[in-house]
Amino acid sequence: MRRFTVTFAALAMALVATGAYASKNDDIDINRLTGSLDQLANDPTLGNYAQAEQARARDAINRLTQAKSRDRPHDLYLAERRVDLAKAAAQLQDAQVKSTQLDREHDQILLDNSRNEADIARRELERQRVQYQLAQEESARLQQQGEAASQAADQARAEADQAKKLAAAQSKVAGAARREAALAAQAAKAMRSQMQGGDSSSSDTPAPTTHKKPKKQPDDQQ
């Protein structure tokens, strides 16, 4: 009887120790899960995400604290998965927000690049327009210069033609004057020769002899 009592007492102490150990382990698991969830909730970035998942994880921890021994392993598994899911959901939402922000920044960069390219294109178009206008003005100036040069050349040719005509007319006048002078010289020479010839014939040639015809006798004297 005494042996049975000692055995029962030892068994009871073992059960108490086992229960105490199990209770201690349960407290460790609850504290671990609660601390992990609190760390997530207090995170300045992730704490704002996955609010529903965090609430479900906290409910799972509360059920774990009230679970019976036979249900505890299952409730512990559920609580751990709920906490992991809350962390994963918060990280996913944070990544999505960052991705959306990056997309917006990327879109803004593309928009800025597009605006910059459009501005560069407008400036290039304006530069080409100004360059084309300058080229047109330069072409017009050269054309005017060409027309002026052409007019000057035409005028020079006209003046040259007029000078040639004047020179030809002067040449004709000079030729006529030379011919007139030559004729005058010939006439003067002929006049001198005639005058000289008349003087020599009057001094050297004797006067011609006049022969008187005999008077005709009347018929009654014969």
C-alpha atoms as a PDB file:
ATOM      1  CA  MET A   1       0.000   0.000   0.000  1.00  0.00           C
ATOM      2  CA  ARG A   2       2.787   2.319   0.860  1.00  0.00           C
ATOM      3  CA  ARG A   3       4.519   1.456  -2.414  1.00  0.00           C
ATOM      4  CA  PHE A   4       1.363   2.292  -4.359  1.00  0.00           C
ATOM      5  CA  THR A   5       1.086   5.574  -2.572  1.00  0.00           C
ATOM      6  CA  VAL A   6       4.661   6.455  -3.383  1.00  0.00           C
ATOM      7  CA  THR A   7       4.173   5.468  -7.000  1.00  0.00           C
ATOM      8  CA  PHE A   8       0.994   7.485  -7.260  1.00  0.00           C
ATOM      9  CA  ALA A   9       2.685  10.454  -5.715  1.00  0.00           C
ATOM     10  CA  ALA A  10       5.591  10.187  -8.095  1.00  0.00           C
ATOM     11  CA  LEU A  11       3.211   9.927 -11.033  1.00  0.00           C
ATOM     12  CA  ALA A  12       1.266  12.928  -9.822  1.00  0.00           C
ATOM     13  CA  MET A  13       4.445  14.928  -9.462  1.00  0.00           C
ATOM     14  CA  ALA A  14       5.481  13.867 -12.945  1.00  0.00           C
ATOM     15  CA  LEU A  15       2.132  14.942 -14.329  1.00  0.00           C
ATOM     16  CA  VAL A  16       2.375  18.239 -12.537  1.00  0.00           C
ATOM     17  CA  ALA A  17       5.911  18.726 -13.844  1.00  0.00           C
ATOM     18  CA  THR A  18       4.825  17.774 -17.344  1.00  0.00           C
ATOM     19  CA  GLY A  19       1.897  20.155 -17.168  1.00  0.00           C
ATOM     20  CA  ALA A  20       4.108  22.881 -15.863  1.00  0.00           C
ATOM     21  CA  TYR A  21       6.587  22.226 -18.664  1.00  0.00           C
ATOM     22  CA  ALA A  22       3.833  22.203 -21.234  1.00  0.00           C
ATOM     23  CA  SER A  23       2.384  25.390 -19.796  1.00  0.00           C
ATOM     24  CA  LYS A  24       5.801  26.974 -19.896  1.00  0.00           C
ATOM     25  CA  ASN A  25       6.274  25.951 -23.533  1.00  0.00           C
ATOM     26  CA  ASP A  26       2.809  27.252 -24.321  1.00  0.00           C
ATOM     27  CA  ASP A  27       3.705  30.595 -22.794  1.00  0.00           C
ATOM     28  CA  ILE A  28       6.899  30.677 -24.875  1.00  0.00           C
ATOM     29  CA  ASP A  29       4.989  29.993 -28.097  1.00  0.00           C
ATOM     30  CA  ILE A  30       2.355  32.580 -27.253  1.00  0.00           C
ATOM     31  CA  ASN A  31       4.968  35.148 -26.321  1.00  0.00           C
ATOM     32  CA  ARG A  32       6.940  34.371 -29.477  1.00  0.00           C
ATOM     33  CA  LEU A  33       3.926  34.729 -31.754  1.00  0.00           C
ATOM     34  CA  THR A  34       2.643  37.790 -29.909  1.00  0.00           C
ATOM     35  CA  GLY A  35       6.056  39.448 -30.081  1.00  0.00           C
ATOM     36  CA  SER A  36       6.373  38.683 -33.780  1.00  0.00           C
ATOM     37  CA  LEU A  37       2.918  40.121 -34.472  1.00  0.00           C
ATOM     38  CA  ASP A  38       3.601  43.179 -32.303  1.00  0.00           C
ATOM     39  CA  GLN A  39       6.857  43.754 -34.172  1.00  0.00           C
ATOM     40  CA  LEU A  40       4.923  43.676 -37.424  1.00  0.00           C
ATOM     41  CA  ALA A  41       2.243  46.026 -36.107  1.00  0.00           C
ATOM     42  CA  ASN A  42       4.827  48.495 -34.767  1.00  0.00           C
ATOM     43  CA  ASP A  43       6.866  48.519 -37.969  1.00  0.00           C
ATOM     44  CA  PRO A  44       6.704  52.095 -39.393  1.00  0.00           C
ATOM     45  CA  THR A  45       6.249  50.773 -42.917  1.00  0.00           C
ATOM     46  CA  LEU A  46       4.757  47.281 -42.778  1.00  0.00           C
ATOM     47  CA  GLY A  47       2.530  47.984 -39.779  1.00  0.00           C
ATOM     48  CA  ASN A  48       0.128  49.986 -41.943  1.00  0.00           C
ATOM     49  CA  TYR A  49      -0.500  47.050 -44.288  1.00  0.00           C
ATOM     50  CA  ALA A  50      -2.462  43.797 -44.010  1.00  0.00           C
ATOM     51  CA  GLN A  51      -4.626  45.040 -41.150  1.00  0.00           C
ATOM     52  CA  ALA A  52      -7.181  42.271 -41.682  1.00  0.00           C
ATOM     53  CA  GLU A  53      -4.505  39.561 -41.688  1.00  0.00           C
ATOM     54  CA  GLN A  54      -2.968  41.000 -38.519  1.00  0.00           C
ATOM     55  CA  ALA A  55      -6.377  40.935 -36.826  1.00  0.00           C
ATOM     56  CA  ARG A  56      -6.907  37.290 -37.826  1.00  0.00           C
ATOM     57  CA  ALA A  57      -3.442  36.380 -36.550  1.00  0.00           C
ATOM     58  CA  ARG A  58      -4.160  38.045 -33.186  1.00  0.00           C
ATOM     59  CA  ASP A  59      -7.449  36.146 -32.923  1.00  0.00           C
ATOM     60  CA  ALA A  60      -5.597  32.913 -33.635  1.00  0.00           C
ATOM     61  CA  ILE A  61      -3.138  33.697 -30.803  1.00  0.00           C
ATOM     62  CA  ASN A  62      -6.028  34.424 -28.457  1.00  0.00           C
ATOM     63  CA  ARG A  63      -7.619  31.073 -29.336  1.00  0.00           C
ATOM     64  CA  LEU A  64      -4.265  29.438 -28.683  1.00  0.00           C
ATOM     65  CA  THR A  65      -4.200  30.837 -25.166  1.00  0.00           C
ATOM     66  CA  GLN A  66      -7.612  29.293 -24.516  1.00  0.00           C
ATOM     67  CA  ALA A  67      -7.088  26.036 -26.387  1.00  0.00           C
ATOM     68  CA  LYS A  68      -7.321  22.694 -24.648  1.00  0.00           C
ATOM     69  CA  SER A  69      -4.346  20.392 -24.638  1.00  0.00           C
ATOM     70  CA  ARG A  70      -5.651  18.167 -27.424  1.00  0.00           C
ATOM     71  CA  ASP A  71      -6.456  21.182 -29.637  1.00  0.00           C
ATOM     72  CA  ARG A  72      -3.292  23.095 -28.851  1.00  0.00           C
ATOM     73  CA  PRO A  73      -1.029  21.681 -31.602  1.00  0.00           C
ATOM     74  CA  HIS A  74      -3.594  22.514 -34.248  1.00  0.00           C
ATOM     75  CA  ASP A  75      -4.292  25.970 -32.841  1.00  0.00           C
ATOM     76  CA  LEU A  76      -0.543  26.601 -32.559  1.00  0.00           C
ATOM     77  CA  TYR A  77      -0.087  25.675 -36.194  1.00  0.00           C
ATOM     78  CA  LEU A  78      -2.950  27.967 -37.212  1.00  0.00           C
ATOM     79  CA  ALA A  79      -1.593  30.844 -35.143  1.00  0.00           C
ATOM     80  CA  GLU A  80       1.883  30.474 -36.620  1.00  0.00           C
ATOM     81  CA  ARG A  81       0.465  30.368 -40.160  1.00  0.00           C
ATOM     82  CA  ARG A  82      -1.725  33.412 -39.442  1.00  0.00           C
ATOM     83  CA  VAL A  83       1.264  35.388 -38.215  1.00  0.00           C
ATOM     84  CA  ASP A  84       3.346  34.312 -41.233  1.00  0.00           C
ATOM     85  CA  LEU A  85       0.463  35.194 -43.531  1.00  0.00           C
ATOM     86  CA  ALA A  86       0.127  38.643 -41.940  1.00  0.00           C
ATOM     87  CA  LYS A  87       3.861  39.273 -42.459  1.00  0.00           C
ATOM     88  CA  ALA A  88       3.739  38.024 -46.049  1.00  0.00           C
ATOM     89  CA  ALA A  89       0.622  40.054 -46.853  1.00  0.00           C
ATOM     90  CA  ALA A  90       2.163  43.205 -45.349  1.00  0.00           C
ATOM     91  CA  GLN A  91       5.380  42.688 -47.324  1.00  0.00           C
ATOM     92  CA  LEU A  92       3.375  42.013 -50.472  1.00  0.00           C
ATOM     93  CA  GLN A  93       1.306  45.165 -50.063  1.00  0.00           C
ATOM     94  CA  ASP A  94       4.428  47.178 -49.356  1.00  0.00           C
ATOM     95  CA  ALA A  95       6.041  45.758 -52.483  1.00  0.00           C
ATOM     96  CA  GLN A  96       2.917  46.554 -54.484  1.00  0.00           C
ATOM     97  CA  VAL A  97       2.868  50.113 -53.187  1.00  0.00           C
ATOM     98  CA  LYS A  98       6.565  50.521 -53.976  1.00  0.00           C
ATOM     99  CA  SER A  99       6.025  48.973 -57.377  1.00  0.00           C
ATOM    100  CA  THR A 100       3.136  51.332 -58.022  1.00  0.00           C
ATOM    101  CA  GLN A 101       5.282  54.217 -56.861  1.00  0.00           C
ATOM    102  CA  LEU A 102       8.111  53.061 -59.083  1.00  0.00           C
ATOM    103  CA  ASP A 103       5.679  52.737 -61.967  1.00  0.00           C
ATOM    104  CA  ARG A 104       4.465  56.259 -61.302  1.00  0.00           C
ATOM    105  CA  GLU A 105       8.024  57.498 -61.073  1.00  0.00           C
ATOM    106  CA  HIS A 106       8.835  55.581 -64.241  1.00  0.00           C
ATOM    107  CA  ASP A 107       5.792  57.062 -65.948  1.00  0.00           C
ATOM    108  CA  GLN A 108       6.804  60.490 -64.692  1.00  0.00           C
ATOM    109  CA  ILE A 109      10.316  59.918 -65.987  1.00  0.00           C
ATOM    110  CA  LEU A 110       8.896  58.818 -69.326  1.00  0.00           C
ATOM    111  CA  LEU A 111       6.622  61.849 -69.320  1.00  0.00           C
ATOM    112  CA  ASP A 112       9.531  64.123 -68.473  1.00  0.00           C
ATOM    113  CA  ASN A 113      11.642  62.469 -71.146  1.00  0.00           C
ATOM    114  CA  SER A 114       8.798  62.829 -73.612  1.00  0.00           C
ATOM    115  CA  ARG A 115       8.443  66.493 -72.691  1.00  0.00           C
ATOM    116  CA  ASN A 116      12.181  66.971 -72.967  1.00  0.00           C
ATOM    117  CA  GLU A 117      12.231  65.224 -76.340  1.00  0.00           C
ATOM    118  CA  ALA A 118       9.281  67.335 -77.483  1.00  0.00           C
ATOM    119  CA  ASP A 119      11.052  70.471 -76.273  1.00  0.00           C
ATOM    120  CA  ILE A 120      14.246  69.401 -78.034  1.00  0.00           C
ATOM    121  CA  ALA A 121      12.227  68.666 -81.177  1.00  0.00           C
ATOM    122  CA  ARG A 122      10.580  72.079 -80.997  1.00  0.00           C
ATOM    123  CA  ARG A 123      13.934  73.772 -80.526  1.00  0.00           C
ATOM    124  CA  GLU A 124      15.401  71.797 -83.415  1.00  0.00           C
ATOM    125  CA  LEU A 125      12.409  72.707 -85.574  1.00  0.00           C
ATOM    126  CA  GLU A 126      12.826  76.366 -84.627  1.00  0.00           C
ATOM    127  CA  ARG A 127      16.548  76.164 -85.405  1.00  0.00           C
ATOM    128  CA  GLN A 128      15.818  74.608 -88.793  1.00  0.00           C
ATOM    129  CA  ARG A 129      13.133  77.236 -89.456  1.00  0.00           C
ATOM    130  CA  VAL A 130      15.545  80.059 -88.651  1.00  0.00           C
ATOM    131  CA  GLN A 131      18.246  78.384 -90.711  1.00  0.00           C
ATOM    132  CA  TYR A 132      15.830  77.982 -93.612  1.00  0.00           C
ATOM    133  CA  GLN A 133      14.764  81.618 -93.300  1.00  0.00           C
ATOM    134  CA  LEU A 134      18.391  82.744 -93.303  1.00  0.00           C
ATOM    135  CA  ALA A 135      19.047  80.549 -96.327  1.00  0.00           C
ATOM    136  CA  GLN A 136      16.036  82.079 -98.089  1.00  0.00           C
ATOM    137  CA  GLU A 137      17.218  85.594 -97.253  1.00  0.00           C
ATOM    138  CA  GLU A 138      20.740  84.755 -98.410  1.00  0.00           C
ATOM    139  CA  SER A 139      19.349  83.257-101.622  1.00  0.00           C
ATOM    140  CA  ALA A 140      17.228  86.363-102.206  1.00  0.00           C
ATOM    141  CA  ARG A 141      20.252  88.580-101.532  1.00  0.00           C
ATOM    142  CA  LEU A 142      22.394  86.579-103.925  1.00  0.00           C
ATOM    143  CA  GLN A 143      19.595  86.648-106.477  1.00  0.00           C
ATOM    144  CA  GLN A 144      19.360  90.413-106.131  1.00  0.00           C
ATOM    145  CA  GLN A 145      23.101  90.661-106.471  1.00  0.00           C
ATOM    146  CA  GLY A 146      22.911  88.404-109.516  1.00  0.00           C
ATOM    147  CA  GLU A 147      20.163  90.501-111.036  1.00  0.00           C
ATOM    148  CA  ALA A 148      22.121  93.666-110.279  1.00  0.00           C
ATOM    149  CA  ALA A 149      25.230  92.112-111.797  1.00  0.00           C
ATOM    150  CA  SER A 150      23.213  90.983-114.806  1.00  0.00           C
ATOM    151  CA  GLN A 151      21.749  94.459-115.213  1.00  0.00           C
ATOM    152  CA  ALA A 152      25.215  95.957-114.862  1.00  0.00           C
ATOM    153  CA  ALA A 153      26.526  93.516-117.448  1.00  0.00           C
ATOM    154  CA  ASP A 154      23.639  94.336-119.791  1.00  0.00           C
ATOM    155  CA  GLN A 155      24.287  98.011-119.262  1.00  0.00           C
ATOM    156  CA  ALA A 156      27.987  97.510-119.867  1.00  0.00           C
ATOM    157  CA  ARG A 157      27.237  95.569-123.055  1.00  0.00           C
ATOM    158  CA  ALA A 158      24.809  98.289-124.176  1.00  0.00           C
ATOM    159  CA  GLU A 159      27.400 100.981-123.483  1.00  0.00           C
ATOM    160  CA  ALA A 160      30.007  98.921-125.326  1.00  0.00           C
ATOM    161  CA  ASP A 161      27.665  98.524-128.293  1.00  0.00           C
ATOM    162  CA  GLN A 162      26.931 102.259-128.211  1.00  0.00           C
ATOM    163  CA  ALA A 163      30.644 102.981-128.025  1.00  0.00           C
ATOM    164  CA  LYS A 164      31.235 100.664-130.998  1.00  0.00           C
ATOM    165  CA  LYS A 165      28.497 102.412-132.974  1.00  0.00           C
ATOM    166  CA  LEU A 166      29.904 105.815-132.045  1.00  0.00           C
ATOM    167  CA  ALA A 167      33.390 104.679-133.004  1.00  0.00           C
ATOM    168  CA  ALA A 168      32.048 103.347-136.315  1.00  0.00           C
ATOM    169  CA  ALA A 169      30.229 106.613-136.966  1.00  0.00           C
ATOM    170  CA  GLN A 170      33.324 108.606-136.078  1.00  0.00           C
ATOM    171  CA  SER A 171      35.345 106.348-138.358  1.00  0.00           C
ATOM    172  CA  LYS A 172      32.899 106.983-141.190  1.00  0.00           C
ATOM    173  CA  VAL A 173      33.051 110.716-140.566  1.00  0.00           C
ATOM    174  CA  ALA A 174      36.819 110.607-140.459  1.00  0.00           C
ATOM    175  CA  GLY A 175      36.900 108.583-143.683  1.00  0.00           C
ATOM    176  CA  ALA A 176      34.558 111.003-145.394  1.00  0.00           C
ATOM    177  CA  ALA A 177      36.677 113.880-144.156  1.00  0.00           C
ATOM    178  CA  ARG A 178      39.804 112.194-145.472  1.00  0.00           C
ATOM    179  CA  ARG A 179      38.156 111.566-148.827  1.00  0.00           C
ATOM    180  CA  GLU A 180      36.919 115.154-148.928  1.00  0.00           C
ATOM    181  CA  ALA A 181      40.368 116.387-148.057  1.00  0.00           C
ATOM    182  CA  ALA A 182      41.875 114.176-150.718  1.00  0.00           C
ATOM    183  CA  LEU A 183      39.413 115.445-153.305  1.00  0.00           C
ATOM    184  CA  ALA A 184      40.081 118.996-152.272  1.00  0.00           C
ATOM    185  CA  ALA A 185      43.798 118.372-152.546  1.00  0.00           C
ATOM    186  CA  GLN A 186      43.374 116.853-155.979  1.00  0.00           C
ATOM    187  CA  ALA A 187      41.196 119.775-157.072  1.00  0.00           C
ATOM    188  CA  ALA A 188      43.733 122.266-155.805  1.00  0.00           C
ATOM    189  CA  LYS A 189      46.527 120.380-157.483  1.00  0.00           C
ATOM    190  CA  ALA A 190      44.598 120.275-160.739  1.00  0.00           C
ATOM    191  CA  MET A 191      43.885 123.982-160.463  1.00  0.00           C
ATOM    192  CA  ARG A 192      47.528 124.737-159.863  1.00  0.00           C
ATOM    193  CA  SER A 193      48.537 122.562-162.750  1.00  0.00           C
ATOM    194  CA  GLN A 194      46.020 124.295-165.028  1.00  0.00           C
ATOM    195  CA  MET A 195      47.157 127.664-163.919  1.00  0.00           C
ATOM    196  CA  GLN A 196      50.796 126.779-164.449  1.00  0.00           C
ATOM    197  CA  GLY A 197      50.009 125.318-167.873  1.00  0.00           C
ATOM    198  CA  GLY A 198      48.213 128.520-169.029  1.00  0.00           C
ATOM    199  CA  ASP A 199      51.112 130.759-168.138  1.00  0.00           C
ATOM    200  CA  SER A 200      53.707 128.757-170.075  1.00  0.00           C
ATOM    201  CA  SER A 201      51.615 128.559-173.324  1.00  0.00           C
ATOM    202  CA  SER A 202      51.130 132.376-173.551  1.00  0.00           C
ATOM    203  CA  SER A 203      54.866 133.188-173.301  1.00  0.00           C
ATOM    204  CA  ASP A 204      56.424 130.565-175.596  1.00  0.00           C
ATOM    205  CA  THR A 205      53.915 130.174-178.497  1.00  0.00           C
ATOM    206  CA  PRO A 206      53.998 132.926-181.234  1.00  0.00           C
ATOM    207  CA  ALA A 207      50.906 134.769-182.124  1.00  0.00           C
ATOM    208  CA  PRO A 208      49.040 133.207-184.974  1.00  0.00           C
ATOM    209  CA  THR A 209      49.260 134.894-188.453  1.00  0.00           C
ATOM    210  CA  THR A 210      46.063 136.257-189.904  1.00  0.00           C
ATOM    211  CA  HIS A 211      45.455 135.793-193.637  1.00  0.00           C
ATOM    212  CA  LYS A 212      43.182 138.276-195.369  1.00  0.00           C
ATOM    213  CA  LYS A 213      40.930 136.929-198.013  1.00  0.00           C
ATOM    214  CA  PRO A 214      40.907 138.841-201.361  1.00  0.00           C
ATOM    215  CA  LYS A 215      37.962 140.991-202.058  1.00  0.00           C
ATOM    216  CA  LYS A 216      35.590 139.541-204.560  1.00  0.00           C
ATOM    217  CA  GLN A 217      35.277 141.572-207.770  1.00  0.00           C
ATOM    218  CA  PRO A 218      31.947 142.547-209.009  1.00  0.00           C
ATOM    219  CA  ASP A 219      30.637 140.728-212.085  1.00  0.00           C
ATOM    220  CA  ASP A 220      30.481 143.747-214.316  1.00  0.00           C
ATOM    221  CA  GLN A 221      34.253 144.344-213.864  1.00  0.00           C
ATOM    222  CA  GLN A 222      35.266 141.038-215.209  1.00  0.00           C
END
